[in-house]
C-alpha atoms as a PDB file:
ATOM      1  CA  MET A   1       5.174  21.795  -5.350  1.00  0.00           C
ATOM      2  CA  LEU A   2       4.006  18.516  -3.408  1.00  0.00           C
ATOM      3  CA  ASP A   3       0.395  16.692  -4.394  1.00  0.00           C
ATOM      4  CA  PHE A   4      -1.271  15.773  -1.647  1.00  0.00           C
ATOM      5  CA  GLY A   5      -3.924  12.896  -1.264  1.00  0.00           C
ATOM      6  CA  LEU A   6      -6.303  11.594   1.421  1.00  0.00           C
ATOM      7  CA  ASN A   7      -6.144   7.742   2.584  1.00  0.00           C
ATOM      8  CA  GLN A   8      -9.148   6.307   3.622  1.00  0.00           C
ATOM      9  CA  VAL A   9      -7.562   5.029   7.084  1.00  0.00           C
ATOM     10  CA  THR A  10      -7.871   8.571   8.278  1.00  0.00           C
ATOM     11  CA  MET A  11     -11.379   8.893   8.040  1.00  0.00           C
ATOM     12  CA  ALA A  12     -12.024   4.918   8.807  1.00  0.00           C
ATOM     13  CA  ASN A  13     -15.821   5.120  10.246  1.00  0.00           C
ATOM     14  CA  ALA A  14     -16.783   7.608   7.651  1.00  0.00           C
ATOM     15  CA  PRO A  15     -19.083   7.245   4.767  1.00  0.00           C
ATOM     16  CA  ILE A  16     -17.377   6.619   1.212  1.00  0.00           C
ATOM     17  CA  ASP A  17     -19.226   9.853   0.051  1.00  0.00           C
ATOM     18  CA  GLU A  18     -18.099  12.043   2.882  1.00  0.00           C
ATOM     19  CA  PHE A  19     -14.742  10.650   2.513  1.00  0.00           C
ATOM     20  CA  ILE A  20     -14.315  12.039  -0.807  1.00  0.00           C
ATOM     21  CA  GLU A  21     -16.388  14.938  -0.008  1.00  0.00           C
ATOM     22  CA  THR A  22     -13.653  16.003   2.089  1.00  0.00           C
ATOM     23  CA  ALA A  23     -11.046  15.177   0.199  1.00  0.00           C
ATOM     24  CA  SER A  24     -12.333  17.612  -2.279  1.00  0.00           C
ATOM     25  CA  ARG A  25     -12.889  20.099  -0.074  1.00  0.00           C
ATOM     26  CA  LEU A  26      -9.234  20.001   1.533  1.00  0.00           C
ATOM     27  CA  GLY A  27      -7.764  20.413  -2.132  1.00  0.00           C
ATOM     28  CA  MET A  28      -6.370  16.663  -2.397  1.00  0.00           C
ATOM     29  CA  VAL A  29      -5.259  15.368  -6.055  1.00  0.00           C
ATOM     30  CA  GLY A  30      -6.860  12.212  -4.811  1.00  0.00           C
ATOM     31  CA  VAL A  31      -7.602   9.267  -2.362  1.00  0.00           C
ATOM     32  CA  GLU A  32      -6.428   5.795  -1.460  1.00  0.00           C
ATOM     33  CA  LEU A  33      -9.413   3.353  -1.162  1.00  0.00           C
ATOM     34  CA  ARG A  34      -9.127   0.383   1.700  1.00  0.00           C
ATOM     35  CA  ASN A  35     -10.581  -3.130   1.947  1.00  0.00           C
ATOM     36  CA  ASP A  36      -9.460  -3.387   5.062  1.00  0.00           C
ATOM     37  CA  LEU A  37     -11.678  -0.995   7.404  1.00  0.00           C
ATOM     38  CA  GLY A  38     -13.871  -3.971   8.727  1.00  0.00           C
ATOM     39  CA  GLY A  39     -16.662  -3.014   6.260  1.00  0.00           C
ATOM     40  CA  PRO A  40     -17.826  -3.580   2.502  1.00  0.00           C
ATOM     41  CA  VAL A  41     -15.630  -2.122   0.175  1.00  0.00           C
ATOM     42  CA  PHE A  42     -16.861   0.980  -1.383  1.00  0.00           C
ATOM     43  CA  ASP A  43     -19.800   0.944   1.407  1.00  0.00           C
ATOM     44  CA  GLU A  44     -21.064  -1.638  -1.332  1.00  0.00           C
ATOM     45  CA  GLN A  45     -21.462   1.170  -3.893  1.00  0.00           C
ATOM     46  CA  PRO A  46     -20.984   0.091  -7.884  1.00  0.00           C
ATOM     47  CA  ALA A  47     -17.589   0.773  -9.272  1.00  0.00           C
ATOM     48  CA  ASP A  48     -18.909   3.355 -11.446  1.00  0.00           C
ATOM     49  CA  ARG A  49     -20.841   5.289  -9.059  1.00  0.00           C
ATOM     50  CA  ILE A  50     -17.480   5.707  -7.575  1.00  0.00           C
ATOM     51  CA  ARG A  51     -15.809   6.562 -10.946  1.00  0.00           C
ATOM     52  CA  ARG A  52     -18.355   8.819 -11.139  1.00  0.00           C
ATOM     53  CA  SER A  53     -18.074  10.244  -7.744  1.00  0.00           C
ATOM     54  CA  LEU A  54     -14.269  11.210  -8.044  1.00  0.00           C
ATOM     55  CA  ARG A  55     -14.355  12.439 -11.395  1.00  0.00           C
ATOM     56  CA  ASP A  56     -16.914  14.896 -10.799  1.00  0.00           C
ATOM     57  CA  ARG A  57     -14.710  16.802  -8.258  1.00  0.00           C
ATOM     58  CA  GLY A  58     -11.857  16.305  -9.755  1.00  0.00           C
ATOM     59  CA  LEU A  59      -9.993  13.560  -7.964  1.00  0.00           C
ATOM     60  CA  ARG A  60      -7.844  10.695  -9.325  1.00  0.00           C
ATOM     61  CA  LEU A  61      -8.241   7.129  -7.137  1.00  0.00           C
ATOM     62  CA  LEU A  62      -4.356   7.024  -6.261  1.00  0.00           C
ATOM     63  CA  GLY A  63      -4.670   3.210  -5.168  1.00  0.00           C
ATOM     64  CA  VAL A  64      -6.670   0.664  -3.711  1.00  0.00           C
ATOM     65  CA  SER A  65      -4.827  -1.411  -0.807  1.00  0.00           C
ATOM     66  CA  GLN A  66      -4.918  -4.077   0.248  1.00  0.00           C
ATOM     67  CA  VAL A  67      -3.411  -7.634  -0.561  1.00  0.00           C
ATOM     68  CA  TYR A  68      -2.047  -9.318   2.719  1.00  0.00           C
ATOM     69  CA  PRO A  69       0.470 -10.874   3.457  1.00  0.00           C
ATOM     70  CA  PHE A  70       1.089 -10.751  -0.624  1.00  0.00           C
ATOM     71  CA  ASN A  71       4.932 -12.550   0.170  1.00  0.00           C
ATOM     72  CA  ARG A  72       3.823 -15.890   1.854  1.00  0.00           C
ATOM     73  CA  TRP A  73       2.726 -16.988  -1.618  1.00  0.00           C
ATOM     74  CA  SER A  74      -0.047 -19.721  -1.321  1.00  0.00           C
ATOM     75  CA  ASN A  75      -2.588 -21.440  -3.935  1.00  0.00           C
ATOM     76  CA  GLY A  76      -5.277 -18.616  -3.660  1.00  0.00           C
ATOM     77  CA  SER A  77      -2.550 -15.725  -3.787  1.00  0.00           C
ATOM     78  CA  ALA A  78      -2.587 -15.156  -7.453  1.00  0.00           C
ATOM     79  CA  ASP A  79      -6.262 -14.829  -7.223  1.00  0.00           C
ATOM     80  CA  ASP A  80      -6.456 -12.595  -3.848  1.00  0.00           C
ATOM     81  CA  VAL A  81      -3.670 -10.065  -6.402  1.00  0.00           C
ATOM     82  CA  HIS A  82      -6.042 -10.852  -9.467  1.00  0.00           C
ATOM     83  CA  ALA A  83      -9.281  -9.660  -7.916  1.00  0.00           C
ATOM     84  CA  LEU A  84      -7.665  -6.368  -6.317  1.00  0.00           C
ATOM     85  CA  ILE A  85      -6.114  -5.644  -9.768  1.00  0.00           C
ATOM     86  CA  ASP A  86      -9.718  -6.490 -11.565  1.00  0.00           C
ATOM     87  CA  LEU A  87     -11.034  -4.180  -8.725  1.00  0.00           C
ATOM     88  CA  ALA A  88      -8.711  -1.069  -9.380  1.00  0.00           C
ATOM     89  CA  VAL A  89      -8.928  -1.539 -13.038  1.00  0.00           C
ATOM     90  CA  GLU A  90     -12.805  -1.418 -12.712  1.00  0.00           C
ATOM     91  CA  VAL A  91     -12.877   1.842 -10.547  1.00  0.00           C
ATOM     92  CA  GLU A  92      -9.842   3.238 -12.735  1.00  0.00           C
ATOM     93  CA  ALA A  93      -7.130   3.535  -9.805  1.00  0.00           C
ATOM     94  CA  ASP A  94      -3.624   4.076 -10.494  1.00  0.00           C
ATOM     95  CA  THR A  95      -2.091   1.140  -8.192  1.00  0.00           C
ATOM     96  CA  ILE A  96      -2.536  -1.323  -6.155  1.00  0.00           C
ATOM     97  CA  SER A  97      -1.069  -2.174  -2.736  1.00  0.00           C
ATOM     98  CA  LEU A  98       0.743  -5.333  -1.290  1.00  0.00           C
ATOM     99  CA  ILE A  99       1.462  -5.741   2.038  1.00  0.00           C
ATOM    100  CA  PRO A 100       4.221  -8.211   3.201  1.00  0.00           C
ATOM    101  CA  CYS A 101       3.505 -10.486   6.343  1.00  0.00           C
ATOM    102  CA  ASN A 102       3.929  -9.164  10.159  1.00  0.00           C
ATOM    103  CA  ASP A 103       3.800 -11.946  12.374  1.00  0.00           C
ATOM    104  CA  GLY A 104       7.243 -12.783  13.230  1.00  0.00           C
ATOM    105  CA  THR A 105       8.141 -15.830  10.959  1.00  0.00           C
ATOM    106  CA  GLY A 106      10.171 -16.742   8.464  1.00  0.00           C
ATOM    107  CA  LEU A 107      12.548 -13.604   9.410  1.00  0.00           C
ATOM    108  CA  ASP A 108      15.704 -15.507   8.659  1.00  0.00           C
ATOM    109  CA  VAL A 109      17.600 -13.638   5.456  1.00  0.00           C
ATOM    110  CA  ALA A 110      17.098 -16.815   3.316  1.00  0.00           C
ATOM    111  CA  SER A 111      13.308 -17.041   4.005  1.00  0.00           C
ATOM    112  CA  ARG A 112      12.535 -13.437   3.550  1.00  0.00           C
ATOM    113  CA  GLN A 113      14.285 -12.832   0.149  1.00  0.00           C
ATOM    114  CA  ASN A 114      13.669 -16.493  -0.790  1.00  0.00           C
ATOM    115  CA  GLU A 115       9.831 -15.589  -0.653  1.00  0.00           C
ATOM    116  CA  LEU A 116      10.002 -11.995  -1.184  1.00  0.00           C
ATOM    117  CA  ALA A 117      11.686 -12.855  -4.769  1.00  0.00           C
ATOM    118  CA  ARG A 118       8.711 -15.574  -5.350  1.00  0.00           C
ATOM    119  CA  ALA A 119       5.514 -13.262  -4.527  1.00  0.00           C
ATOM    120  CA  LEU A 120       7.300 -10.421  -6.748  1.00  0.00           C
ATOM    121  CA  GLU A 121       8.146 -12.874  -9.738  1.00  0.00           C
ATOM    122  CA  ARG A 122       4.411 -14.384  -9.296  1.00  0.00           C
ATOM    123  CA  CYS A 123       3.133 -10.941  -9.150  1.00  0.00           C
ATOM    124  CA  LEU A 124       4.667  -9.721 -11.962  1.00  0.00           C
ATOM    125  CA  PRO A 125       2.599 -11.230 -15.133  1.00  0.00           C
ATOM    126  CA  LEU A 126      -0.892 -10.386 -13.455  1.00  0.00           C
ATOM    127  CA  LEU A 127       0.517  -6.604 -13.283  1.00  0.00           C
ATOM    128  CA  GLU A 128       1.985  -6.552 -17.025  1.00  0.00           C
ATOM    129  CA  ALA A 129      -1.122  -7.923 -18.079  1.00  0.00           C
ATOM    130  CA  ALA A 130      -3.619  -5.484 -16.677  1.00  0.00           C
ATOM    131  CA  ASN A 131      -0.878  -2.752 -17.602  1.00  0.00           C
ATOM    132  CA  MET A 132      -1.001  -1.689 -13.717  1.00  0.00           C
ATOM    133  CA  VAL A 133       1.535  -0.898 -10.966  1.00  0.00           C
ATOM    134  CA  ALA A 134       2.009  -2.408  -7.641  1.00  0.00           C
ATOM    135  CA  LEU A 135       3.165  -0.430  -4.150  1.00  0.00           C
ATOM    136  CA  VAL A 136       4.900  -2.504  -1.650  1.00  0.00           C
ATOM    137  CA  GLU A 137       5.414  -1.476   1.716  1.00  0.00           C
ATOM    138  CA  PRO A 138       7.697  -2.401   4.213  1.00  0.00           C
ATOM    139  CA  LEU A 139       6.618  -2.260   7.484  1.00  0.00           C
ATOM    140  CA  GLY A 140       9.237  -1.359  10.294  1.00  0.00           C
ATOM    141  CA  PHE A 141       8.431  -3.448  13.141  1.00  0.00           C
ATOM    142  CA  ALA A 142      10.813  -5.879  13.814  1.00  0.00           C
ATOM    143  CA  ARG A 143       8.113  -9.042  13.635  1.00  0.00           C
ATOM    144  CA  SER A 144       7.525  -7.957   9.772  1.00  0.00           C
ATOM    145  CA  SER A 145       8.787 -10.267   6.715  1.00  0.00           C
ATOM    146  CA  LEU A 146       9.882  -6.885   4.993  1.00  0.00           C
ATOM    147  CA  ARG A 147      11.469  -3.841   6.839  1.00  0.00           C
ATOM    148  CA  ASP A 148      14.211  -2.571   5.053  1.00  0.00           C
ATOM    149  CA  LYS A 149      13.588  -0.659   1.753  1.00  0.00           C
ATOM    150  CA  ALA A 150      17.068  -2.070   0.196  1.00  0.00           C
ATOM    151  CA  ASP A 151      15.961  -5.503   0.226  1.00  0.00           C
ATOM    152  CA  LEU A 152      12.749  -4.586  -1.782  1.00  0.00           C
ATOM    153  CA  VAL A 153      15.024  -1.943  -4.409  1.00  0.00           C
ATOM    154  CA  ALA A 154      17.459  -5.219  -4.413  1.00  0.00           C
ATOM    155  CA  ALA A 155      14.357  -7.554  -5.824  1.00  0.00           C
ATOM    156  CA  ILE A 156      12.887  -5.448  -7.670  1.00  0.00           C
ATOM    157  CA  GLU A 157      16.275  -4.547 -10.048  1.00  0.00           C
ATOM    158  CA  ALA A 158      16.659  -8.068  -9.979  1.00  0.00           C
ATOM    159  CA  LEU A 159      13.641  -8.803 -11.486  1.00  0.00           C
ATOM    160  CA  GLY A 160      13.644  -5.549 -14.097  1.00  0.00           C
ATOM    161  CA  ALA A 161      10.312  -5.093 -12.732  1.00  0.00           C
ATOM    162  CA  HIS A 162      10.639  -1.209 -11.968  1.00  0.00           C
ATOM    163  CA  SER A 163       7.910  -0.277 -14.401  1.00  0.00           C
ATOM    164  CA  HIS A 164       5.164  -2.407 -12.249  1.00  0.00           C
ATOM    165  CA  PHE A 165       7.033  -2.187  -8.760  1.00  0.00           C
ATOM    166  CA  ARG A 166       6.889   0.937  -6.742  1.00  0.00           C
ATOM    167  CA  LEU A 167       7.643   1.207  -3.053  1.00  0.00           C
ATOM    168  CA  VAL A 168       5.464   2.689  -0.411  1.00  0.00           C
ATOM    169  CA  HIS A 169       8.095   5.306   1.328  1.00  0.00           C
ATOM    170  CA  ASP A 170       6.213   5.354   5.066  1.00  0.00           C
ATOM    171  CA  THR A 171       7.362   7.820   7.460  1.00  0.00           C
ATOM    172  CA  PHE A 172       6.128   5.792  10.726  1.00  0.00           C
ATOM    173  CA  HIS A 173       7.878   2.404   9.065  1.00  0.00           C
ATOM    174  CA  HIS A 174      10.753   4.165   7.843  1.00  0.00           C
ATOM    175  CA  THR A 175      11.194   5.144  11.175  1.00  0.00           C
ATOM    176  CA  LEU A 176      10.459   2.007  13.330  1.00  0.00           C
ATOM    177  CA  SER A 177      12.888   0.431  10.824  1.00  0.00           C
ATOM    178  CA  GLY A 178      16.021   2.609  11.418  1.00  0.00           C
ATOM    179  CA  GLY A 179      15.702   4.396   8.863  1.00  0.00           C
ATOM    180  CA  GLY A 180      18.270   4.563   5.854  1.00  0.00           C
ATOM    181  CA  SER A 181      18.198   5.098   2.395  1.00  0.00           C
ATOM    182  CA  VAL A 182      14.773   6.624   0.510  1.00  0.00           C
ATOM    183  CA  TYR A 183      15.470   5.315  -2.850  1.00  0.00           C
ATOM    184  CA  PRO A 184      12.812   8.789  -4.522  1.00  0.00           C
ATOM    185  CA  GLU A 185      13.278   6.717  -7.922  1.00  0.00           C
ATOM    186  CA  HIS A 186      11.260   3.534  -6.560  1.00  0.00           C
ATOM    187  CA  THR A 187       8.461   5.341  -4.364  1.00  0.00           C
ATOM    188  CA  GLY A 188       5.687   5.513  -6.029  1.00  0.00           C
ATOM    189  CA  ILE A 189       3.845   7.253  -2.863  1.00  0.00           C
ATOM    190  CA  VAL A 190       4.879   8.855   0.466  1.00  0.00           C
ATOM    191  CA  HIS A 191       2.650   7.964   3.594  1.00  0.00           C
ATOM    192  CA  VAL A 192       2.995  10.846   6.057  1.00  0.00           C
ATOM    193  CA  SER A 193       1.581  10.311  10.342  1.00  0.00           C
ATOM    194  CA  GLY A 194       3.540  10.467  13.429  1.00  0.00           C
ATOM    195  CA  VAL A 195       3.597   9.641  16.808  1.00  0.00           C
ATOM    196  CA  THR A 196       2.625  12.394  19.468  1.00  0.00           C
ATOM    197  CA  ASP A 197       3.564  10.737  22.779  1.00  0.00           C
ATOM    198  CA  ALA A 198       6.775  11.109  24.119  1.00  0.00           C
ATOM    199  CA  ASP A 199       7.035   8.582  26.381  1.00  0.00           C
ATOM    200  CA  VAL A 200       6.777   5.707  24.127  1.00  0.00           C
ATOM    201  CA  PRO A 201      10.127   4.154  23.137  1.00  0.00           C
ATOM    202  CA  VAL A 202      10.508   3.965  19.434  1.00  0.00           C
ATOM    203  CA  GLN A 203      11.175  -0.171  19.590  1.00  0.00           C
ATOM    204  CA  GLN A 204       7.370  -0.244  21.256  1.00  0.00           C
ATOM    205  CA  MET A 205       5.356   1.968  18.755  1.00  0.00           C
ATOM    206  CA  GLU A 206       2.295   0.034  17.129  1.00  0.00           C
ATOM    207  CA  ASP A 207       0.065   1.726  14.435  1.00  0.00           C
ATOM    208  CA  ALA A 208      -2.395   2.949  17.280  1.00  0.00           C
ATOM    209  CA  HIS A 209      -0.132   5.114  18.331  1.00  0.00           C
ATOM    210  CA  ARG A 210      -0.318   6.859  15.000  1.00  0.00           C
ATOM    211  CA  VAL A 211      -2.196   9.917  14.313  1.00  0.00           C
END
């Protein structure tokens, strides 16, 4: 039997209370909350109120998203990751999400691998200190700096960090990247979406085409 959760992006314009209530009404096991929807995080509600709202409905907070671009490490990256971890701990989230750079830069093999390895290595002690898991989502766009799950799995295994990094299997991005191995033992969550417009070639699909 599969457990289903509801990602806040599915109701991006709804008040968070309505979103949580909808997840409960639909029989979800939990929700994913986001910080990239254009408004204040959690509608500026305090963490304890979010915790109570979820707990009262028997819902888990499956994750809080996101830090972007996590694999372009800079002086502020550690602060961004630390802040998201602190927020996740405060609201008792299971995970945080890390999203790779998607602007078409640094796409040569050496740059991609080195930047990924460096970012994972820098994130690991922050995750260990908080006993937190980070979900890393390969993006299938040709401009993405992390498209292939194999690259992510190799980097995680080289670091020996399987207990603190899991990958996101996104059905849309998996298709855009050309498919390939799935790595269920490394997968922390599956994002399900699709494109209903049959006239859009796969290589031209963007987030706006998803439903």
